[in-house]
């Protein structure tokens, strides 16, 4: 894992951003077709309304904003994970430098890129989406097993967050913590479970709470 930690953060971040934008573009132009819009919204809107929705989605201003947000999402995700790790660092009094925790969080973010790439190939070659909502379902998640139509809307984010990529993210964090700070596997695992995993659980609970309050 030392080779991953030693990559310069700036170069790594630029690489993550570039590849993420490439697959976001591929998903938009190869998977999110006009036909998919009609299949998704034909029962809710008129043909003219669907056309307006497609035109709005394809407008240059909206597209630029969509892709400009990608690097911000990566940064926020890394900051949130490093914040969770920093809390554990302070509680345990390890005296680790925050920049090392941020480096670990940023390097682990590659798992989300793998998730995006695998999702793209799954829906492009193995199971073409029938609605736009399908594209937001992680194909290795509990939500995919249950089916998005078989659970309440407020449980969708929770079920979607239970997936093998999230488990891989946790495992990679454990390996990076062990490598960076020379902890044992059990101590590294306990540290991640009590920091990031708890923090991620609270994040999902907060999302569910917000959804329930804004949809009532």
Protein backbone atom coordinates (compact mmCIF):
# COMPACT_ATOMS: atom_id res chain seq x y z
CA UNK A 1 0.00 0.00 0.00
CA UNK A 2 2.99 2.32 0.33
CA UNK A 3 3.02 2.90 -3.44
CA UNK A 4 -0.55 4.20 -3.30
CA UNK A 5 0.13 6.48 -0.35
CA UNK A 6 3.26 7.86 -2.01
CA UNK A 7 1.46 9.15 -5.13
CA UNK A 8 1.27 12.95 -5.06
CA UNK A 9 -2.18 14.07 -3.94
CA UNK A 10 -2.49 16.68 -6.70
CA UNK A 11 -1.72 14.22 -9.50
CA UNK A 12 -3.96 11.57 -7.93
CA UNK A 13 -6.85 14.00 -7.53
CA UNK A 14 -6.53 15.18 -11.13
CA UNK A 15 -6.51 11.58 -12.34
CA UNK A 16 -9.59 10.69 -10.28
CA UNK A 17 -11.42 13.75 -11.56
CA UNK A 18 -10.52 13.17 -15.20
CA UNK A 19 -11.56 9.51 -15.29
CA UNK A 20 -14.74 10.27 -13.34
CA UNK A 21 -15.70 12.96 -15.86
CA UNK A 22 -14.96 10.58 -18.75
CA UNK A 23 -17.32 7.93 -17.39
CA UNK A 24 -19.93 10.54 -16.44
CA UNK A 25 -19.89 11.64 -20.08
CA UNK A 26 -20.05 8.04 -21.29
CA UNK A 27 -23.02 7.35 -19.04
CA UNK A 28 -24.81 10.48 -20.22
CA UNK A 29 -24.34 9.95 -23.94
CA UNK A 30 -24.41 6.14 -24.12
CA UNK A 31 -26.84 5.16 -21.36
CA UNK A 32 -29.06 8.17 -20.66
CA UNK A 33 -30.76 8.26 -24.04
CA UNK A 34 -33.88 10.15 -25.10
CA UNK A 35 -35.74 6.83 -25.22
CA UNK A 36 -34.83 6.24 -21.58
CA UNK A 37 -36.29 9.62 -20.63
CA UNK A 38 -39.57 8.76 -22.37
CA UNK A 39 -39.65 5.32 -20.71
CA UNK A 40 -39.02 6.93 -17.31
CA UNK A 41 -41.43 9.87 -17.45
CA UNK A 42 -44.07 9.06 -20.07
CA UNK A 43 -46.65 8.22 -17.41
CA UNK A 44 -45.96 11.37 -15.37
CA UNK A 45 -45.53 14.05 -18.05
CA UNK A 46 -46.75 14.86 -21.52
CA UNK A 47 -44.53 14.34 -24.56
CA UNK A 48 -43.80 18.08 -24.73
CA UNK A 49 -42.83 18.16 -21.06
CA UNK A 50 -40.46 15.24 -21.53
CA UNK A 51 -38.92 17.02 -24.53
CA UNK A 52 -38.41 20.12 -22.39
CA UNK A 53 -36.80 17.99 -19.69
CA UNK A 54 -34.40 16.45 -22.23
CA UNK A 55 -33.56 19.89 -23.66
CA UNK A 56 -32.90 21.24 -20.16
CA UNK A 57 -30.68 18.26 -19.32
CA UNK A 58 -28.71 18.73 -22.54
CA UNK A 59 -28.29 22.49 -22.18
CA UNK A 60 -24.62 23.50 -22.17
CA UNK A 61 -24.88 25.55 -18.98
CA UNK A 62 -26.32 22.65 -16.98
CA UNK A 63 -23.77 20.20 -18.38
CA UNK A 64 -20.82 22.44 -17.47
CA UNK A 65 -22.16 22.82 -13.93
CA UNK A 66 -22.67 19.07 -13.66
CA UNK A 67 -19.06 18.30 -14.52
CA UNK A 68 -17.62 21.17 -12.49
CA UNK A 69 -19.28 19.69 -9.42
CA UNK A 70 -17.42 16.37 -9.79
CA UNK A 71 -14.08 17.55 -8.30
CA UNK A 72 -16.01 19.22 -5.48
CA UNK A 73 -17.81 15.94 -4.71
CA UNK A 74 -14.48 14.08 -4.54
CA UNK A 75 -13.03 16.70 -2.18
CA UNK A 76 -16.09 16.71 0.09
CA UNK A 77 -16.11 12.91 0.22
CA UNK A 78 -12.41 12.82 1.18
CA UNK A 79 -12.90 15.61 3.73
CA UNK A 80 -15.82 13.81 5.36
CA UNK A 81 -13.90 10.54 5.68
CA UNK A 82 -10.79 12.30 7.00
CA UNK A 83 -12.99 14.20 9.48
CA UNK A 84 -14.32 10.89 10.81
CA UNK A 85 -10.78 9.54 11.09
CA UNK A 86 -9.58 12.72 12.79
CA UNK A 87 -12.22 12.35 15.50
CA UNK A 88 -10.87 8.87 16.25
CA UNK A 89 -7.34 10.25 16.15
CA UNK A 90 -8.20 12.86 18.80
CA UNK A 91 -10.14 10.43 20.99
CA UNK A 92 -7.38 7.81 20.90
CA UNK A 93 -4.67 10.48 21.22
CA UNK A 94 -2.62 8.98 18.42
CA UNK A 95 -1.30 12.43 17.41
CA UNK A 96 -1.42 11.60 13.70
CA UNK A 97 -1.11 14.53 11.32
CA UNK A 98 -4.35 15.45 9.60
CA UNK A 99 -2.68 15.69 6.19
CA UNK A 100 -1.84 11.97 6.39
CA UNK A 101 -5.46 11.13 7.22
CA UNK A 102 -6.63 13.26 4.32
CA UNK A 103 -4.13 11.51 2.03
CA UNK A 104 -5.54 8.13 3.11
CA UNK A 105 -9.13 9.31 2.52
CA UNK A 106 -8.31 10.68 -0.92
CA UNK A 107 -6.45 7.53 -2.01
CA UNK A 108 -9.32 5.30 -0.83
CA UNK A 109 -11.73 7.30 -2.99
CA UNK A 110 -10.59 5.27 -6.00
CA UNK A 111 -13.11 2.63 -4.87
CA UNK A 112 -15.96 4.97 -5.76
CA UNK A 113 -14.42 5.39 -9.21
CA UNK A 114 -14.27 1.60 -9.62
CA UNK A 115 -17.91 1.44 -8.55
CA UNK A 116 -18.85 4.00 -11.21
CA UNK A 117 -16.87 2.18 -13.92
CA UNK A 118 -18.29 -1.24 -13.04
CA UNK A 119 -21.82 0.15 -12.89
CA UNK A 120 -21.36 1.68 -16.35
CA UNK A 121 -20.19 -1.59 -17.92
CA UNK A 122 -22.90 -3.58 -16.15
CA UNK A 123 -25.72 -1.41 -17.47
CA UNK A 124 -24.07 -0.94 -20.87
CA UNK A 125 -23.42 -4.61 -21.64
CA UNK A 126 -25.27 -6.91 -19.22
CA UNK A 127 -28.52 -5.32 -18.12
CA UNK A 128 -29.64 -2.23 -20.05
CA UNK A 129 -31.57 0.17 -17.79
CA UNK A 130 -35.32 0.47 -18.26
CA UNK A 131 -35.57 3.81 -16.41
CA UNK A 132 -33.17 6.58 -15.46
CA UNK A 133 -33.62 5.59 -11.82
CA UNK A 134 -31.98 2.23 -12.60
CA UNK A 135 -28.69 4.00 -13.32
CA UNK A 136 -28.51 5.20 -9.72
CA UNK A 137 -28.77 1.65 -8.35
CA UNK A 138 -25.45 0.04 -7.53
CA UNK A 139 -25.55 -3.35 -9.23
CA UNK A 140 -23.77 -5.01 -6.29
CA UNK A 141 -26.03 -3.50 -3.64
CA UNK A 142 -28.79 -4.86 -1.44
CA UNK A 143 -31.11 -2.46 -3.28
CA UNK A 144 -30.43 -4.34 -6.52
CA UNK A 145 -31.31 -7.61 -4.83
CA UNK A 146 -34.56 -6.31 -3.32
CA UNK A 147 -35.57 -4.21 -6.35
CA UNK A 148 -36.12 -0.45 -6.20
CA UNK A 149 -39.85 -0.89 -6.71
CA UNK A 150 -40.24 -3.22 -3.74
CA UNK A 151 -39.18 -0.88 -0.92
CA UNK A 152 -40.30 2.54 0.34
CA UNK A 153 -38.53 5.53 -1.24
CA UNK A 154 -37.05 6.61 2.09
CA UNK A 155 -35.16 3.30 2.36
CA UNK A 156 -33.61 3.53 -1.13
CA UNK A 157 -30.39 5.37 -0.08
CA UNK A 158 -29.87 2.99 2.85
CA UNK A 159 -30.29 -0.16 0.77
CA UNK A 160 -28.13 1.28 -2.01
CA UNK A 161 -25.33 2.09 0.45
CA UNK A 162 -25.15 -1.57 1.50
CA UNK A 163 -22.95 -2.84 -1.32
CA UNK A 164 -19.70 -4.66 -1.99
CA UNK A 165 -17.93 -1.49 -3.12
CA UNK A 166 -18.64 0.16 0.23
CA UNK A 167 -17.22 -2.93 1.92
CA UNK A 168 -14.15 -2.68 -0.34
CA UNK A 169 -13.79 0.98 0.64
CA UNK A 170 -13.76 0.03 4.33
CA UNK A 171 -11.19 -2.73 3.70
CA UNK A 172 -8.94 -0.35 1.76
CA UNK A 173 -9.14 2.22 4.57
CA UNK A 174 -8.08 -0.48 7.04
CA UNK A 175 -5.11 -1.46 4.87
CA UNK A 176 -4.03 2.16 4.38
CA UNK A 177 -4.29 2.95 8.10
CA UNK A 178 -2.25 -0.15 8.91
CA UNK A 179 0.42 0.70 6.34
CA UNK A 180 0.64 4.40 7.17
CA UNK A 181 0.74 4.12 10.97
CA UNK A 182 2.09 0.59 11.49
CA UNK A 183 -0.92 -0.63 13.45
CA UNK A 184 -2.00 -4.26 13.62
CA UNK A 185 -4.87 -5.46 11.45
CA UNK A 186 -7.29 -5.79 14.43
CA UNK A 187 -6.49 -2.27 15.72
CA UNK A 188 -6.80 -0.79 12.23
CA UNK A 189 -10.13 -2.55 11.67
CA UNK A 190 -11.53 -1.41 15.03
CA UNK A 191 -10.37 2.15 14.36
CA UNK A 192 -12.14 2.29 10.98
CA UNK A 193 -15.28 0.62 12.33
CA UNK A 194 -15.55 3.14 15.18
CA UNK A 195 -14.80 6.16 13.01
CA UNK A 196 -15.70 5.95 9.32
CA UNK A 197 -18.33 3.18 9.55
CA UNK A 198 -20.13 4.93 12.41
CA UNK A 199 -19.81 8.26 10.60
CA UNK A 200 -21.21 6.78 7.39
CA UNK A 201 -24.12 5.25 9.31
CA UNK A 202 -24.93 8.65 10.82
CA UNK A 203 -24.72 10.22 7.35
CA UNK A 204 -27.25 7.73 5.95
CA UNK A 205 -29.53 8.26 8.96
CA UNK A 206 -29.33 12.04 8.43
CA UNK A 207 -30.23 11.66 4.74
CA UNK A 208 -33.20 9.48 5.63
CA UNK A 209 -34.36 11.96 8.28
CA UNK A 210 -34.13 14.88 5.83
CA UNK A 211 -35.99 12.93 3.13
CA UNK A 212 -38.82 11.98 5.51
CA UNK A 213 -39.22 15.56 6.72
CA UNK A 214 -39.21 17.14 3.27
CA UNK A 215 -41.62 14.64 1.70
CA UNK A 216 -44.31 14.72 4.35
